[in-house]
């Protein structure tokens, strides 16, 4: 990503409001089916017994021309730039796999301890599923709203399930853009097929203000969304009031209004 894309591909205000409240936004129609199939073929041909090598932080990215093509699509770039701005740093990337029949779930964790009470800079984890990933295949589990809680990686590993957790299951080609502090984990794969998810961590180069399509950022529709969202995070309990305040402060900053 080297230049800013047309505003036609950027997130609308209501979509960005959902990212602020949930800590992620999921898109299902950005990648042509034939390109998803190409990436899936590359994933199947790629050696599956390799762990992440910090000395090769872009190994699958360099292996697969198709996955590079996915992330250069104007529609994909438009969403990423709505959150990061132009030309973000590709910090690292990795092809995550869950083997057929794997029974053990990954533990809950966060990739950063940065919470939205300090909203001026945040990284984005971009998670791309090139093939159909039904729930029984073990796609990523996320906890909407958890990005507002400041925790370290190991603080949440003791937990198993939360009210309101959501699995990113569905058809191939979906891309989820996650705040770096969103709690997440992989799940058991009960099928006889490999489950793949390609993830990039991006670091912004510019202040993250006014990057999305800010038309209507203070509209009644957006205000109603934040009001209605108050009951959507049962896991938060008495901590919800603090979450709501964090949303509103952060929202004004992201919209360039404060």
C-alpha atoms as a PDB file:
ATOM      1  CA  UNK A   1       0.000   0.000   0.000  1.00  0.00           C
ATOM      2  CA  UNK A   2       1.680   3.171  -1.161  1.00  0.00           C
ATOM      3  CA  UNK A   3      -1.062   5.667  -2.041  1.00  0.00           C
ATOM      4  CA  UNK A   4      -4.397   6.573  -0.538  1.00  0.00           C
ATOM      5  CA  UNK A   5      -7.326   4.898  -2.315  1.00  0.00           C
ATOM      6  CA  UNK A   6     -10.605   6.472  -3.356  1.00  0.00           C
ATOM      7  CA  UNK A   7     -13.013   7.332  -0.541  1.00  0.00           C
ATOM      8  CA  UNK A   8     -15.476   4.959  -2.261  1.00  0.00           C
ATOM      9  CA  UNK A   9     -13.591   2.060  -0.663  1.00  0.00           C
ATOM     10  CA  UNK A  10     -13.188   3.529   2.802  1.00  0.00           C
ATOM     11  CA  UNK A  11     -15.299   2.591   5.802  1.00  0.00           C
ATOM     12  CA  UNK A  12     -18.482   4.580   6.320  1.00  0.00           C
ATOM     13  CA  UNK A  13     -19.065   6.305   9.648  1.00  0.00           C
ATOM     14  CA  UNK A  14     -21.426   3.592  10.905  1.00  0.00           C
ATOM     15  CA  UNK A  15     -18.949   0.835   9.989  1.00  0.00           C
ATOM     16  CA  UNK A  16     -16.203   2.698  11.813  1.00  0.00           C
ATOM     17  CA  UNK A  17     -18.482   3.130  14.830  1.00  0.00           C
ATOM     18  CA  UNK A  18     -18.877  -0.663  14.922  1.00  0.00           C
ATOM     19  CA  UNK A  19     -15.096  -1.010  14.935  1.00  0.00           C
ATOM     20  CA  UNK A  20     -14.878   1.415  17.857  1.00  0.00           C
ATOM     21  CA  UNK A  21     -17.454  -0.535  19.878  1.00  0.00           C
ATOM     22  CA  UNK A  22     -16.526  -4.107  18.906  1.00  0.00           C
ATOM     23  CA  UNK A  23     -12.797  -3.767  18.277  1.00  0.00           C
ATOM     24  CA  UNK A  24     -13.028  -5.327  14.822  1.00  0.00           C
ATOM     25  CA  UNK A  25     -14.815  -5.044  11.503  1.00  0.00           C
ATOM     26  CA  UNK A  26     -15.433  -8.040   9.229  1.00  0.00           C
ATOM     27  CA  UNK A  27     -15.818  -7.818   5.450  1.00  0.00           C
ATOM     28  CA  UNK A  28     -17.035 -10.690   3.299  1.00  0.00           C
ATOM     29  CA  UNK A  29     -17.085  -9.441  -0.272  1.00  0.00           C
ATOM     30  CA  UNK A  30     -13.699  -7.859  -0.964  1.00  0.00           C
ATOM     31  CA  UNK A  31     -11.872 -10.725  -2.736  1.00  0.00           C
ATOM     32  CA  UNK A  32     -12.884 -12.463  -6.013  1.00  0.00           C
ATOM     33  CA  UNK A  33     -13.570 -16.216  -5.561  1.00  0.00           C
ATOM     34  CA  UNK A  34     -10.862 -17.259  -8.040  1.00  0.00           C
ATOM     35  CA  UNK A  35      -8.246 -15.327  -6.081  1.00  0.00           C
ATOM     36  CA  UNK A  36      -9.360 -16.974  -2.831  1.00  0.00           C
ATOM     37  CA  UNK A  37      -8.971 -20.357  -4.514  1.00  0.00           C
ATOM     38  CA  UNK A  38      -5.455 -19.462  -5.658  1.00  0.00           C
ATOM     39  CA  UNK A  39      -4.398 -18.454  -2.136  1.00  0.00           C
ATOM     40  CA  UNK A  40      -5.937 -21.655  -0.756  1.00  0.00           C
ATOM     41  CA  UNK A  41      -3.940 -23.740  -3.238  1.00  0.00           C
ATOM     42  CA  UNK A  42      -0.774 -21.929  -2.211  1.00  0.00           C
ATOM     43  CA  UNK A  43      -1.559 -22.594   1.463  1.00  0.00           C
ATOM     44  CA  UNK A  44      -2.078 -26.311   0.796  1.00  0.00           C
ATOM     45  CA  UNK A  45       1.234 -26.499  -1.076  1.00  0.00           C
ATOM     46  CA  UNK A  46       3.127 -24.534   1.578  1.00  0.00           C
ATOM     47  CA  UNK A  47       4.981 -26.629   4.208  1.00  0.00           C
ATOM     48  CA  UNK A  48       2.530 -26.882   7.106  1.00  0.00           C
ATOM     49  CA  UNK A  49       4.964 -27.977   9.809  1.00  0.00           C
ATOM     50  CA  UNK A  50       6.785 -24.652  10.067  1.00  0.00           C
ATOM     51  CA  UNK A  51       6.331 -22.529  13.145  1.00  0.00           C
ATOM     52  CA  UNK A  52       6.659 -18.786  13.048  1.00  0.00           C
ATOM     53  CA  UNK A  53      10.286 -17.833  12.415  1.00  0.00           C
ATOM     54  CA  UNK A  54      11.098 -14.315  13.677  1.00  0.00           C
ATOM     55  CA  UNK A  55      13.997 -14.261  11.243  1.00  0.00           C
ATOM     56  CA  UNK A  56      11.549 -14.714   8.347  1.00  0.00           C
ATOM     57  CA  UNK A  57       8.616 -12.454   9.290  1.00  0.00           C
ATOM     58  CA  UNK A  58       7.106 -12.475   5.773  1.00  0.00           C
ATOM     59  CA  UNK A  59       7.710 -16.021   4.603  1.00  0.00           C
ATOM     60  CA  UNK A  60       4.255 -16.893   3.217  1.00  0.00           C
ATOM     61  CA  UNK A  61       3.846 -13.328   1.932  1.00  0.00           C
ATOM     62  CA  UNK A  62       6.969 -13.810  -0.181  1.00  0.00           C
ATOM     63  CA  UNK A  63       5.944 -17.359  -1.151  1.00  0.00           C
ATOM     64  CA  UNK A  64       2.459 -16.500  -2.483  1.00  0.00           C
ATOM     65  CA  UNK A  65       1.996 -13.878  -5.197  1.00  0.00           C
ATOM     66  CA  UNK A  66      -1.749 -14.455  -4.833  1.00  0.00           C
ATOM     67  CA  UNK A  67      -1.875 -13.340  -1.204  1.00  0.00           C
ATOM     68  CA  UNK A  68       0.049 -10.192  -2.135  1.00  0.00           C
ATOM     69  CA  UNK A  69      -2.546  -9.558  -4.830  1.00  0.00           C
ATOM     70  CA  UNK A  70      -5.348  -9.863  -2.252  1.00  0.00           C
ATOM     71  CA  UNK A  71      -3.869  -7.134  -0.090  1.00  0.00           C
ATOM     72  CA  UNK A  72      -3.334  -4.871  -3.093  1.00  0.00           C
ATOM     73  CA  UNK A  73      -7.004  -4.946  -4.078  1.00  0.00           C
ATOM     74  CA  UNK A  74      -8.461  -1.396  -3.883  1.00  0.00           C
ATOM     75  CA  UNK A  75     -11.349  -2.619  -1.716  1.00  0.00           C
ATOM     76  CA  UNK A  76      -8.982  -4.260   0.801  1.00  0.00           C
ATOM     77  CA  UNK A  77      -6.641  -1.278   0.788  1.00  0.00           C
ATOM     78  CA  UNK A  78      -9.564   1.064   1.333  1.00  0.00           C
ATOM     79  CA  UNK A  79     -10.640  -0.637   4.562  1.00  0.00           C
ATOM     80  CA  UNK A  80      -7.064  -0.900   5.829  1.00  0.00           C
ATOM     81  CA  UNK A  81      -6.377   2.760   5.078  1.00  0.00           C
ATOM     82  CA  UNK A  82      -9.569   3.770   6.890  1.00  0.00           C
ATOM     83  CA  UNK A  83      -7.948   2.415  10.040  1.00  0.00           C
ATOM     84  CA  UNK A  84      -4.237   2.993   9.394  1.00  0.00           C
ATOM     85  CA  UNK A  85      -3.752   5.645   6.735  1.00  0.00           C
ATOM     86  CA  UNK A  86      -1.546   5.274   3.650  1.00  0.00           C
ATOM     87  CA  UNK A  87       1.536   3.069   3.436  1.00  0.00           C
ATOM     88  CA  UNK A  88       1.390   1.374   6.852  1.00  0.00           C
ATOM     89  CA  UNK A  89       4.359  -0.700   7.993  1.00  0.00           C
ATOM     90  CA  UNK A  90       4.035  -4.444   7.357  1.00  0.00           C
ATOM     91  CA  UNK A  91       5.424  -5.424  10.762  1.00  0.00           C
ATOM     92  CA  UNK A  92       5.127  -9.179  10.222  1.00  0.00           C
ATOM     93  CA  UNK A  93       2.779 -11.764   8.748  1.00  0.00           C
ATOM     94  CA  UNK A  94       2.159 -15.469   9.152  1.00  0.00           C
ATOM     95  CA  UNK A  95       0.017 -18.279   7.740  1.00  0.00           C
ATOM     96  CA  UNK A  96      -1.860 -19.644  10.764  1.00  0.00           C
ATOM     97  CA  UNK A  97      -2.962 -23.272  10.491  1.00  0.00           C
ATOM     98  CA  UNK A  98      -5.130 -25.650  12.497  1.00  0.00           C
ATOM     99  CA  UNK A  99      -4.513 -29.281  11.556  1.00  0.00           C
ATOM    100  CA  UNK A 100      -7.356 -31.697  10.751  1.00  0.00           C
ATOM    101  CA  UNK A 101      -8.753 -33.273  13.896  1.00  0.00           C
ATOM    102  CA  UNK A 102      -6.876 -30.998  16.271  1.00  0.00           C
ATOM    103  CA  UNK A 103      -8.838 -31.100  19.555  1.00  0.00           C
ATOM    104  CA  UNK A 104      -7.010 -28.478  21.575  1.00  0.00           C
ATOM    105  CA  UNK A 105      -8.092 -24.848  21.450  1.00  0.00           C
ATOM    106  CA  UNK A 106      -5.631 -21.998  21.572  1.00  0.00           C
ATOM    107  CA  UNK A 107      -5.773 -19.994  24.790  1.00  0.00           C
ATOM    108  CA  UNK A 108      -7.289 -16.528  24.860  1.00  0.00           C
ATOM    109  CA  UNK A 109      -4.630 -13.861  24.373  1.00  0.00           C
ATOM    110  CA  UNK A 110      -4.016 -10.337  23.152  1.00  0.00           C
ATOM    111  CA  UNK A 111      -1.286  -9.197  20.788  1.00  0.00           C
ATOM    112  CA  UNK A 112      -0.789  -5.926  22.672  1.00  0.00           C
ATOM    113  CA  UNK A 113      -1.514  -4.395  26.071  1.00  0.00           C
ATOM    114  CA  UNK A 114      -2.621  -1.101  24.487  1.00  0.00           C
ATOM    115  CA  UNK A 115      -6.253  -0.286  25.322  1.00  0.00           C
ATOM    116  CA  UNK A 116      -8.450   2.433  23.858  1.00  0.00           C
ATOM    117  CA  UNK A 117      -8.085   4.736  26.834  1.00  0.00           C
ATOM    118  CA  UNK A 118      -4.893   5.712  24.984  1.00  0.00           C
ATOM    119  CA  UNK A 119      -6.309   5.858  21.463  1.00  0.00           C
ATOM    120  CA  UNK A 120      -3.825   7.979  19.576  1.00  0.00           C
ATOM    121  CA  UNK A 121      -2.026   5.087  17.897  1.00  0.00           C
ATOM    122  CA  UNK A 122      -2.963   1.427  17.495  1.00  0.00           C
ATOM    123  CA  UNK A 123      -1.884  -1.383  15.202  1.00  0.00           C
ATOM    124  CA  UNK A 124      -4.290  -3.498  13.165  1.00  0.00           C
ATOM    125  CA  UNK A 125      -4.287  -7.280  12.782  1.00  0.00           C
ATOM    126  CA  UNK A 126      -5.707  -8.218   9.373  1.00  0.00           C
ATOM    127  CA  UNK A 127      -7.022 -11.798   9.344  1.00  0.00           C
ATOM    128  CA  UNK A 128      -7.864 -13.318   5.957  1.00  0.00           C
ATOM    129  CA  UNK A 129      -9.688 -16.647   5.526  1.00  0.00           C
ATOM    130  CA  UNK A 130      -9.158 -17.835   1.914  1.00  0.00           C
ATOM    131  CA  UNK A 131     -11.586 -20.780   2.177  1.00  0.00           C
ATOM    132  CA  UNK A 132     -14.906 -21.620   3.821  1.00  0.00           C
ATOM    133  CA  UNK A 133     -14.380 -21.886   7.580  1.00  0.00           C
ATOM    134  CA  UNK A 134     -17.474 -23.202   9.382  1.00  0.00           C
ATOM    135  CA  UNK A 135     -17.515 -23.252  13.179  1.00  0.00           C
ATOM    136  CA  UNK A 136     -16.482 -26.915  13.337  1.00  0.00           C
ATOM    137  CA  UNK A 137     -13.256 -26.050  11.479  1.00  0.00           C
ATOM    138  CA  UNK A 138     -12.012 -23.826  14.315  1.00  0.00           C
ATOM    139  CA  UNK A 139     -11.933 -20.274  12.923  1.00  0.00           C
ATOM    140  CA  UNK A 140     -10.764 -17.479  15.219  1.00  0.00           C
ATOM    141  CA  UNK A 141     -12.865 -16.701  18.297  1.00  0.00           C
ATOM    142  CA  UNK A 142     -13.020 -13.036  19.374  1.00  0.00           C
ATOM    143  CA  UNK A 143     -14.556 -11.170  22.302  1.00  0.00           C
ATOM    144  CA  UNK A 144     -16.271  -8.004  21.014  1.00  0.00           C
ATOM    145  CA  UNK A 145     -15.506  -4.957  23.131  1.00  0.00           C
ATOM    146  CA  UNK A 146     -12.538  -6.510  24.928  1.00  0.00           C
ATOM    147  CA  UNK A 147     -10.069  -4.100  23.305  1.00  0.00           C
ATOM    148  CA  UNK A 148     -11.021  -1.441  25.871  1.00  0.00           C
ATOM    149  CA  UNK A 149      -9.588  -3.512  28.736  1.00  0.00           C
ATOM    150  CA  UNK A 150      -5.873  -3.087  29.427  1.00  0.00           C
ATOM    151  CA  UNK A 151      -4.398  -6.558  29.979  1.00  0.00           C
ATOM    152  CA  UNK A 152      -1.144  -8.346  29.218  1.00  0.00           C
ATOM    153  CA  UNK A 153      -0.862 -11.442  27.039  1.00  0.00           C
ATOM    154  CA  UNK A 154      -1.100 -13.902  29.937  1.00  0.00           C
ATOM    155  CA  UNK A 155      -3.856 -12.142  31.896  1.00  0.00           C
ATOM    156  CA  UNK A 156      -6.665 -13.802  29.938  1.00  0.00           C
ATOM    157  CA  UNK A 157      -5.235 -17.260  29.220  1.00  0.00           C
ATOM    158  CA  UNK A 158      -7.039 -18.787  32.213  1.00  0.00           C
ATOM    159  CA  UNK A 159     -10.495 -18.065  30.776  1.00  0.00           C
ATOM    160  CA  UNK A 160     -12.505 -20.512  28.648  1.00  0.00           C
ATOM    161  CA  UNK A 161     -15.740 -18.908  27.438  1.00  0.00           C
ATOM    162  CA  UNK A 162     -17.477 -15.537  27.701  1.00  0.00           C
ATOM    163  CA  UNK A 163     -21.026 -14.381  27.192  1.00  0.00           C
ATOM    164  CA  UNK A 164     -21.021 -12.518  23.887  1.00  0.00           C
ATOM    165  CA  UNK A 165     -17.946 -14.173  22.335  1.00  0.00           C
ATOM    166  CA  UNK A 166     -18.106 -14.595  18.563  1.00  0.00           C
ATOM    167  CA  UNK A 167     -16.487 -17.019  16.179  1.00  0.00           C
ATOM    168  CA  UNK A 168     -15.352 -15.646  12.810  1.00  0.00           C
ATOM    169  CA  UNK A 169     -16.940 -18.486  10.853  1.00  0.00           C
ATOM    170  CA  UNK A 170     -18.362 -18.211   7.356  1.00  0.00           C
ATOM    171  CA  UNK A 171     -17.584 -18.458   3.649  1.00  0.00           C
ATOM    172  CA  UNK A 172     -14.139 -18.037   2.135  1.00  0.00           C
ATOM    173  CA  UNK A 173     -12.769 -14.627   1.306  1.00  0.00           C
ATOM    174  CA  UNK A 174     -13.681 -12.960   4.593  1.00  0.00           C
ATOM    175  CA  UNK A 175     -11.216 -10.471   6.051  1.00  0.00           C
ATOM    176  CA  UNK A 176     -11.446  -9.275   9.652  1.00  0.00           C
ATOM    177  CA  UNK A 177      -9.613  -6.123  10.714  1.00  0.00           C
ATOM    178  CA  UNK A 178      -8.870  -6.373  14.460  1.00  0.00           C
ATOM    179  CA  UNK A 179      -7.680  -3.791  16.964  1.00  0.00           C
ATOM    180  CA  UNK A 180      -4.380  -5.044  18.349  1.00  0.00           C
ATOM    181  CA  UNK A 181      -5.828  -5.346  21.880  1.00  0.00           C
ATOM    182  CA  UNK A 182      -8.857  -7.467  20.961  1.00  0.00           C
ATOM    183  CA  UNK A 183      -8.939 -10.780  22.866  1.00  0.00           C
ATOM    184  CA  UNK A 184      -8.884 -13.738  20.474  1.00  0.00           C
ATOM    185  CA  UNK A 185      -7.931 -17.402  20.063  1.00  0.00           C
ATOM    186  CA  UNK A 186      -8.097 -20.268  17.562  1.00  0.00           C
ATOM    187  CA  UNK A 187     -10.513 -23.149  18.133  1.00  0.00           C
ATOM    188  CA  UNK A 188     -10.429 -26.953  17.662  1.00  0.00           C
ATOM    189  CA  UNK A 189     -10.723 -28.273  14.117  1.00  0.00           C
ATOM    190  CA  UNK A 190     -13.230 -31.123  14.053  1.00  0.00           C
ATOM    191  CA  UNK A 191     -12.991 -31.649  10.283  1.00  0.00           C
ATOM    192  CA  UNK A 192     -10.605 -33.637   8.093  1.00  0.00           C
ATOM    193  CA  UNK A 193      -9.408 -30.478   6.304  1.00  0.00           C
ATOM    194  CA  UNK A 194      -6.653 -27.975   7.132  1.00  0.00           C
ATOM    195  CA  UNK A 195      -7.879 -24.618   8.407  1.00  0.00           C
ATOM    196  CA  UNK A 196      -5.872 -21.620   7.193  1.00  0.00           C
ATOM    197  CA  UNK A 197      -5.871 -17.964   8.179  1.00  0.00           C
ATOM    198  CA  UNK A 198      -3.309 -15.480   6.932  1.00  0.00           C
ATOM    199  CA  UNK A 199      -2.592 -12.597   9.305  1.00  0.00           C
ATOM    200  CA  UNK A 200      -0.665  -9.362   8.845  1.00  0.00           C
ATOM    201  CA  UNK A 201       0.150  -6.920  11.610  1.00  0.00           C
ATOM    202  CA  UNK A 202       0.217  -3.349  10.291  1.00  0.00           C
ATOM    203  CA  UNK A 203       1.674  -0.324  12.081  1.00  0.00           C
ATOM    204  CA  UNK A 204       0.413   3.150  11.077  1.00  0.00           C
ATOM    205  CA  UNK A 205       2.764   5.866   9.837  1.00  0.00           C
ATOM    206  CA  UNK A 206       0.339   8.774  10.265  1.00  0.00           C
ATOM    207  CA  UNK A 207      -2.011  10.047  12.994  1.00  0.00           C
ATOM    208  CA  UNK A 208      -5.199   7.940  12.853  1.00  0.00           C
ATOM    209  CA  UNK A 209      -7.645  10.822  12.532  1.00  0.00           C
ATOM    210  CA  UNK A 210     -10.152  11.491   9.770  1.00  0.00           C
ATOM    211  CA  UNK A 211      -9.000   8.513   7.708  1.00  0.00           C
ATOM    212  CA  UNK A 212     -12.418   6.911   7.140  1.00  0.00           C
ATOM    213  CA  UNK A 213     -15.351   8.474   5.296  1.00  0.00           C
ATOM    214  CA  UNK A 214     -16.359  10.828   8.105  1.00  0.00           C
ATOM    215  CA  UNK A 215     -19.607  11.959   6.461  1.00  0.00           C
ATOM    216  CA  UNK A 216     -22.295  11.639   9.138  1.00  0.00           C
ATOM    217  CA  UNK A 217     -19.908  10.903  11.986  1.00  0.00           C
ATOM    218  CA  UNK A 218     -22.159  12.904  14.349  1.00  0.00           C
ATOM    219  CA  UNK A 219     -25.463  11.832  12.768  1.00  0.00           C
ATOM    220  CA  UNK A 220     -28.468  10.591  14.776  1.00  0.00           C
ATOM    221  CA  UNK A 221     -27.889   7.156  13.241  1.00  0.00           C
ATOM    222  CA  UNK A 222     -24.397   6.911  14.725  1.00  0.00           C
ATOM    223  CA  UNK A 223     -25.599   8.299  18.054  1.00  0.00           C
ATOM    224  CA  UNK A 224     -28.383   5.715  18.136  1.00  0.00           C
ATOM    225  CA  UNK A 225     -25.898   2.952  17.367  1.00  0.00           C
ATOM    226  CA  UNK A 226     -23.757   3.813  20.383  1.00  0.00           C
ATOM    227  CA  UNK A 227     -26.843   4.062  22.611  1.00  0.00           C
ATOM    228  CA  UNK A 228     -28.194   0.703  21.413  1.00  0.00           C
ATOM    229  CA  UNK A 229     -24.796  -0.964  21.810  1.00  0.00           C
ATOM    230  CA  UNK A 230     -24.893  -0.523  25.563  1.00  0.00           C
ATOM    231  CA  UNK A 231     -26.504  -3.926  26.133  1.00  0.00           C
ATOM    232  CA  UNK A 232     -24.367  -5.840  23.671  1.00  0.00           C
ATOM    233  CA  UNK A 233     -21.458  -6.774  25.942  1.00  0.00           C
ATOM    234  CA  UNK A 234     -22.804  -8.934  28.794  1.00  0.00           C
ATOM    235  CA  UNK A 235     -19.309 -10.078  29.785  1.00  0.00           C
ATOM    236  CA  UNK A 236     -18.382  -6.509  30.810  1.00  0.00           C
ATOM    237  CA  UNK A 237     -20.811  -6.363  33.752  1.00  0.00           C
ATOM    238  CA  UNK A 238     -20.376  -3.235  35.863  1.00  0.00           C
ATOM    239  CA  UNK A 239     -17.475  -2.113  33.711  1.00  0.00           C
ATOM    240  CA  UNK A 240     -19.728  -1.124  30.839  1.00  0.00           C
ATOM    241  CA  UNK A 241     -20.007   2.549  31.839  1.00  0.00           C
ATOM    242  CA  UNK A 242     -16.264   2.971  31.450  1.00  0.00           C
ATOM    243  CA  UNK A 243     -16.407   1.239  28.068  1.00  0.00           C
ATOM    244  CA  UNK A 244     -19.069   3.635  26.807  1.00  0.00           C
ATOM    245  CA  UNK A 245     -17.062   6.666  27.855  1.00  0.00           C
ATOM    246  CA  UNK A 246     -13.952   5.287  26.169  1.00  0.00           C
ATOM    247  CA  UNK A 247     -15.911   4.789  22.944  1.00  0.00           C
ATOM    248  CA  UNK A 248     -17.154   8.373  22.795  1.00  0.00           C
ATOM    249  CA  UNK A 249     -13.804   9.966  23.565  1.00  0.00           C
ATOM    250  CA  UNK A 250     -12.050   7.761  21.039  1.00  0.00           C
ATOM    251  CA  UNK A 251     -14.770   8.302  18.423  1.00  0.00           C
ATOM    252  CA  UNK A 252     -14.381  12.078  18.484  1.00  0.00           C
ATOM    253  CA  UNK A 253     -10.626  11.713  18.153  1.00  0.00           C
ATOM    254  CA  UNK A 254     -10.853   9.277  15.192  1.00  0.00           C
ATOM    255  CA  UNK A 255     -13.356  11.554  13.434  1.00  0.00           C
ATOM    256  CA  UNK A 256     -10.974  14.488  13.800  1.00  0.00           C
ATOM    257  CA  UNK A 257     -13.357  16.394  16.063  1.00  0.00           C
ATOM    258  CA  UNK A 258     -11.226  16.492  19.222  1.00  0.00           C
END
